[in-house]
Amino acid sequence: MKNPNNMSFLEHLEELRWHIIRSLISVVLCAFICFIFKDFIFDTVIFGPKKMSFPTYKFLCKASNLIGVETTFCLSEFPFIIQNRTMTGQFSAHVMTSLISGFIISFPYVLFEFWKFISPGLLKNEKVKSKVFIFISSLLFFVGVLFGYYIVTPLSINFLATYQVSDLVLNEIDLASYISLVRSSAVASGIIFELPIIIYFLSKIGLVTPEGLIKYRKFALVGVLVLAALITPPDIASQIIVAIPIVILYQVSIFISKIVVKRNHNEIRS
């Protein structure tokens, strides 16, 4: 293996290309496995939030009954059907869903390839922490995906599926629209939960400081509320449920930024 310090720009690009290729291969292999297990991916995972037996609905129904509040979480079934309107609709949904699922499953390996590419430019003690980085990043991503799937998705489906401008209008949801909501809620939440990792690297290279994060915290909180409003139904309860973990992640990011900046100063002094 060539010494990274002696590699030219084109050689670095070649190295990056192979990291990307290996990452894509891992995604495709996992996607192929998901493609084979179509029944589980769709009937159990994708269409799970459409069933009133979904754990989130059962929990919220019991919670609503305890406090004596009427809710749509206790319906026998949702008043809408899912249908396909195009010849290639179901096959396209199958392929795209398999690819997204493959990316989610192979995320730790993709991170590993990313780390292998940047690790030659890191200090020795930073390289030792690679396993911790991959573990924490993967954990945050998977927790975010689960949050999006079990919280954001059912709240969105429950609101949008029961909302009607008139009893004369029936909800016949297109397959692509439904799957897009489930996929985007899960993946977007997974990416949002990577905020502490992103702040770590931005603080490491000096683009972000804890003072700056604290100074613009009010604006960040407004942004969080706007983001929560975009990915959830327009009711206060749902937006608060989504906003709370994002606010916590922002506070954790400030703490992480302080640690990184302090270490950078200590390294410069020594």
Protein backbone atom coordinates (compact mmCIF):
# COMPACT_ATOMS: atom_id res chain seq x y z
CA MET A 1 0.00 0.00 0.00
CA LYS A 2 1.31 3.41 -0.94
CA ASN A 3 2.22 5.98 1.65
CA PRO A 4 -0.67 8.52 1.71
CA ASN A 5 1.81 11.36 2.28
CA ASN A 6 3.52 10.59 -1.04
CA MET A 7 0.36 10.12 -3.09
CA SER A 8 -0.57 12.60 -5.82
CA PHE A 9 -4.01 14.19 -6.15
CA LEU A 10 -5.01 11.72 -8.88
CA GLU A 11 -3.85 8.80 -6.73
CA HIS A 12 -6.03 10.10 -3.88
CA LEU A 13 -8.97 10.24 -6.31
CA GLU A 14 -8.26 6.67 -7.38
CA GLU A 15 -8.16 5.59 -3.75
CA LEU A 16 -11.48 7.38 -3.12
CA ARG A 17 -13.00 5.68 -6.17
CA TRP A 18 -12.25 2.22 -4.79
CA HIS A 19 -13.70 3.11 -1.39
CA ILE A 20 -16.88 4.28 -3.13
CA ILE A 21 -17.00 1.14 -5.30
CA ARG A 22 -16.66 -1.17 -2.28
CA SER A 23 -19.36 0.81 -0.47
CA LEU A 24 -21.71 0.54 -3.45
CA ILE A 25 -21.05 -3.21 -3.72
CA SER A 26 -22.02 -3.66 -0.06
CA VAL A 27 -25.22 -1.64 -0.59
CA VAL A 28 -26.13 -3.66 -3.70
CA LEU A 29 -25.49 -6.99 -1.96
CA CYS A 30 -27.68 -6.00 1.00
CA ALA A 31 -30.29 -4.64 -1.42
CA PHE A 32 -30.31 -7.99 -3.25
CA ILE A 33 -31.00 -9.80 0.03
CA CYS A 34 -33.83 -7.34 0.80
CA PHE A 35 -35.17 -7.85 -2.73
CA ILE A 36 -35.44 -11.61 -2.07
CA PHE A 37 -37.24 -11.13 1.26
CA LYS A 38 -39.96 -9.04 -0.36
CA ASP A 39 -42.81 -10.36 1.79
CA PHE A 40 -41.12 -9.42 5.06
CA ILE A 41 -39.89 -6.02 3.82
CA PHE A 42 -43.30 -4.94 2.54
CA ASP A 43 -45.96 -6.83 4.52
CA THR A 44 -44.23 -6.53 7.88
CA VAL A 45 -42.02 -3.42 7.67
CA ILE A 46 -43.36 -1.04 5.01
CA PHE A 47 -47.07 -1.71 5.55
CA GLY A 48 -46.72 -2.24 9.30
CA PRO A 49 -47.62 1.40 10.16
CA LYS A 50 -50.83 1.03 8.11
CA LYS A 51 -52.17 -1.59 10.54
CA MET A 52 -53.82 -0.48 13.76
CA SER A 53 -52.02 -3.35 15.51
CA PHE A 54 -48.77 -1.40 15.07
CA PRO A 55 -47.07 -0.98 18.52
CA THR A 56 -47.13 2.84 18.40
CA TYR A 57 -50.89 2.99 17.83
CA LYS A 58 -51.57 0.45 20.59
CA PHE A 59 -49.45 2.42 23.06
CA LEU A 60 -50.98 5.80 22.16
CA CYS A 61 -54.49 4.31 22.24
CA LYS A 62 -53.94 2.98 25.78
CA ALA A 63 -52.37 6.29 26.85
CA SER A 64 -55.34 8.24 25.45
CA ASN A 65 -57.82 5.96 27.22
CA LEU A 66 -56.01 6.44 30.53
CA ILE A 67 -56.37 10.22 30.37
CA GLY A 68 -59.86 10.05 28.87
CA VAL A 69 -59.10 11.67 25.51
CA GLU A 70 -60.79 10.67 22.27
CA THR A 71 -58.30 9.77 19.56
CA THR A 72 -58.00 8.23 16.10
CA PHE A 73 -55.32 5.86 17.42
CA CYS A 74 -58.06 3.46 18.55
CA LEU A 75 -59.70 2.90 15.15
CA SER A 76 -60.26 -0.64 13.91
CA GLU A 77 -58.57 0.25 10.61
CA PHE A 78 -57.46 3.30 8.63
CA PRO A 79 -60.04 4.72 6.19
CA PHE A 80 -57.82 4.48 3.11
CA ILE A 81 -56.52 1.95 0.63
CA ILE A 82 -53.17 1.75 -1.12
CA GLN A 83 -53.24 1.28 -4.87
CA ASN A 84 -50.89 1.18 -7.81
CA ARG A 85 -51.72 3.27 -10.90
CA THR A 86 -48.80 2.51 -13.22
CA MET A 87 -47.58 -0.63 -14.98
CA THR A 88 -44.08 -0.44 -13.47
CA GLY A 89 -45.19 1.03 -10.14
CA GLN A 90 -44.92 -2.09 -7.98
CA PHE A 91 -41.65 -3.28 -9.50
CA SER A 92 -40.09 0.20 -9.20
CA ALA A 93 -41.23 0.40 -5.58
CA HIS A 94 -39.71 -3.03 -4.95
CA VAL A 95 -36.33 -2.05 -6.43
CA MET A 96 -36.11 1.38 -4.79
CA THR A 97 -37.20 0.09 -1.40
CA SER A 98 -34.61 -2.70 -1.61
CA LEU A 99 -31.87 -0.17 -2.41
CA ILE A 100 -32.84 2.11 0.50
CA SER A 101 -33.03 -0.90 2.83
CA GLY A 102 -29.65 -2.07 1.54
CA PHE A 103 -28.14 1.33 2.33
CA ILE A 104 -29.56 1.31 5.86
CA ILE A 105 -28.29 -2.21 6.59
CA SER A 106 -24.83 -1.61 5.10
CA PHE A 107 -24.43 1.82 6.76
CA PRO A 108 -21.73 0.64 9.24
CA TYR A 109 -19.62 -0.75 6.40
CA VAL A 110 -20.05 2.44 4.35
CA LEU A 111 -18.82 4.36 7.40
CA PHE A 112 -15.90 1.97 7.68
CA GLU A 113 -14.87 2.71 4.07
CA PHE A 114 -15.23 6.44 4.70
CA TRP A 115 -13.02 6.16 7.77
CA LYS A 116 -10.39 4.16 5.90
CA PHE A 117 -10.15 6.98 3.36
CA ILE A 118 -9.71 9.81 5.88
CA SER A 119 -7.75 7.90 8.54
CA PRO A 120 -4.28 8.39 6.89
CA GLY A 121 -4.63 12.12 7.56
CA LEU A 122 -5.43 11.63 11.25
CA LEU A 123 -3.18 11.38 14.27
CA LYS A 124 -2.25 7.98 15.71
CA ASN A 125 -4.50 8.31 18.76
CA GLU A 126 -7.40 9.33 16.49
CA LYS A 127 -6.97 6.21 14.36
CA VAL A 128 -7.30 4.05 17.47
CA LYS A 129 -10.76 5.54 18.03
CA SER A 130 -12.04 4.37 14.64
CA LYS A 131 -14.06 1.51 16.12
CA VAL A 132 -15.71 3.88 18.58
CA PHE A 133 -16.52 6.32 15.76
CA ILE A 134 -18.10 3.60 13.60
CA PHE A 135 -20.06 2.18 16.54
CA ILE A 136 -21.43 5.52 17.77
CA SER A 137 -22.23 6.79 14.27
CA SER A 138 -24.00 3.55 13.36
CA LEU A 139 -25.87 3.52 16.68
CA LEU A 140 -27.08 7.11 16.20
CA PHE A 141 -28.16 6.37 12.63
CA PHE A 142 -30.09 3.22 13.57
CA VAL A 143 -31.73 4.94 16.55
CA GLY A 144 -32.75 7.76 14.20
CA VAL A 145 -34.17 5.29 11.66
CA LEU A 146 -36.16 3.55 14.40
CA PHE A 147 -37.37 6.92 15.69
CA GLY A 148 -38.51 7.88 12.20
CA TYR A 149 -40.19 4.51 11.67
CA TYR A 150 -41.91 4.12 15.06
CA ILE A 151 -42.66 7.78 15.84
CA VAL A 152 -42.61 10.08 12.79
CA THR A 153 -44.15 7.62 10.32
CA PRO A 154 -47.16 6.48 12.40
CA LEU A 155 -47.93 10.03 13.55
CA SER A 156 -47.87 11.23 9.94
CA ILE A 157 -49.93 8.32 8.62
CA ASN A 158 -52.48 8.61 11.44
CA PHE A 159 -53.05 12.30 10.76
CA LEU A 160 -52.99 12.24 6.96
CA ALA A 161 -55.03 9.02 6.64
CA THR A 162 -57.87 10.31 8.83
CA TYR A 163 -57.90 13.87 7.45
CA GLN A 164 -60.73 14.69 5.04
CA VAL A 165 -61.90 17.97 3.54
CA SER A 166 -65.27 16.31 2.88
CA ASP A 167 -66.96 12.94 3.42
CA LEU A 168 -67.45 12.86 -0.34
CA VAL A 169 -63.70 12.50 -0.91
CA LEU A 170 -62.18 9.06 -0.45
CA ASN A 171 -58.51 8.52 0.36
CA GLU A 172 -57.03 6.19 -2.24
CA ILE A 173 -53.30 6.57 -1.65
CA ASP A 174 -50.83 5.85 -4.42
CA LEU A 175 -48.27 3.15 -3.60
CA ALA A 176 -45.30 5.41 -4.41
CA SER A 177 -46.66 8.20 -2.19
CA TYR A 178 -47.13 5.91 0.81
CA ILE A 179 -43.72 4.22 0.51
CA SER A 180 -42.03 7.59 -0.03
CA LEU A 181 -43.46 8.83 3.28
CA VAL A 182 -42.19 5.76 5.17
CA ARG A 183 -38.75 5.84 3.53
CA SER A 184 -38.18 9.58 3.88
CA SER A 185 -39.31 9.63 7.53
CA ALA A 186 -36.92 6.82 8.48
CA VAL A 187 -33.87 7.91 6.45
CA ALA A 188 -34.26 11.63 7.22
CA SER A 189 -34.48 10.90 10.94
CA GLY A 190 -31.39 8.68 10.70
CA ILE A 191 -29.42 11.49 9.07
CA ILE A 192 -30.69 14.08 11.59
CA PHE A 193 -29.49 11.89 14.46
CA GLU A 194 -25.96 12.10 13.01
CA LEU A 195 -25.83 15.75 14.11
CA PRO A 196 -23.34 15.16 17.00
CA ILE A 197 -20.95 13.37 14.61
CA ILE A 198 -21.22 16.16 12.04
CA ILE A 199 -20.57 18.78 14.73
CA TYR A 200 -17.56 16.76 15.92
CA PHE A 201 -15.86 16.94 12.51
CA LEU A 202 -16.84 20.57 11.91
CA SER A 203 -15.38 21.48 15.31
CA LYS A 204 -12.28 19.44 14.55
CA ILE A 205 -11.49 21.48 11.46
CA GLY A 206 -12.48 24.76 13.11
CA LEU A 207 -15.64 25.57 11.16
CA VAL A 208 -17.83 25.33 14.26
CA THR A 209 -17.19 26.52 17.82
CA PRO A 210 -19.24 25.94 21.01
CA GLU A 211 -19.55 29.72 21.40
CA GLY A 212 -21.11 29.93 17.95
CA LEU A 213 -23.49 27.06 18.67
CA ILE A 214 -24.58 28.72 21.90
CA LYS A 215 -24.88 32.16 20.29
CA TYR A 216 -27.16 30.87 17.53
CA ARG A 217 -29.04 28.40 19.73
CA LYS A 218 -32.25 30.43 19.58
CA PHE A 219 -32.16 30.40 15.79
CA ALA A 220 -31.34 26.69 15.86
CA LEU A 221 -34.37 26.01 18.06
CA VAL A 222 -36.58 27.89 15.61
CA GLY A 223 -35.06 25.81 12.82
CA VAL A 224 -35.79 22.64 14.82
CA LEU A 225 -39.44 23.62 15.18
CA VAL A 226 -39.67 24.37 11.46
CA LEU A 227 -38.06 21.01 10.68
CA ALA A 228 -40.44 19.23 13.05
CA ALA A 229 -43.36 20.97 11.34
CA LEU A 230 -42.14 19.82 7.92
CA ILE A 231 -41.70 16.12 8.78
CA THR A 232 -44.74 15.72 11.07
CA PRO A 233 -48.47 16.44 10.91
CA PRO A 234 -49.51 20.02 11.76
CA ASP A 235 -50.50 19.30 15.35
CA ILE A 236 -48.57 20.58 18.37
CA ALA A 237 -48.24 17.23 20.15
CA SER A 238 -46.56 15.50 17.19
CA GLN A 239 -44.20 18.41 16.58
CA ILE A 240 -43.13 18.47 20.24
CA ILE A 241 -42.49 14.70 20.22
CA VAL A 242 -40.20 15.09 17.20
CA ALA A 243 -38.57 18.35 18.36
CA ILE A 244 -37.50 17.08 21.81
CA PRO A 245 -34.84 14.55 20.64
CA ILE A 246 -33.49 17.04 18.07
CA VAL A 247 -33.09 19.69 20.78
CA ILE A 248 -31.32 17.13 22.99
CA LEU A 249 -29.00 16.24 20.11
CA TYR A 250 -28.19 19.92 19.61
CA GLN A 251 -27.30 20.30 23.30
CA VAL A 252 -25.13 17.18 23.12
CA SER A 253 -23.44 18.65 20.03
CA ILE A 254 -22.52 21.78 22.00
CA PHE A 255 -20.94 19.61 24.69
CA ILE A 256 -19.01 17.61 22.07
CA SER A 257 -17.82 20.81 20.38
CA LYS A 258 -16.46 22.09 23.71
CA ILE A 259 -14.47 18.88 24.23
CA VAL A 260 -13.05 18.95 20.69
CA VAL A 261 -12.05 22.63 20.85
CA LYS A 262 -10.42 22.12 24.25
CA ARG A 263 -8.39 19.19 22.92
CA ASN A 264 -7.34 21.19 19.86
CA HIS A 265 -6.04 23.97 22.11
CA ASN A 266 -4.15 21.49 24.29
CA GLU A 267 -2.54 19.91 21.21
CA ILE A 268 -1.43 23.33 19.93
CA ARG A 269 0.11 24.24 23.30
CA SER A 270 1.96 20.95 23.56
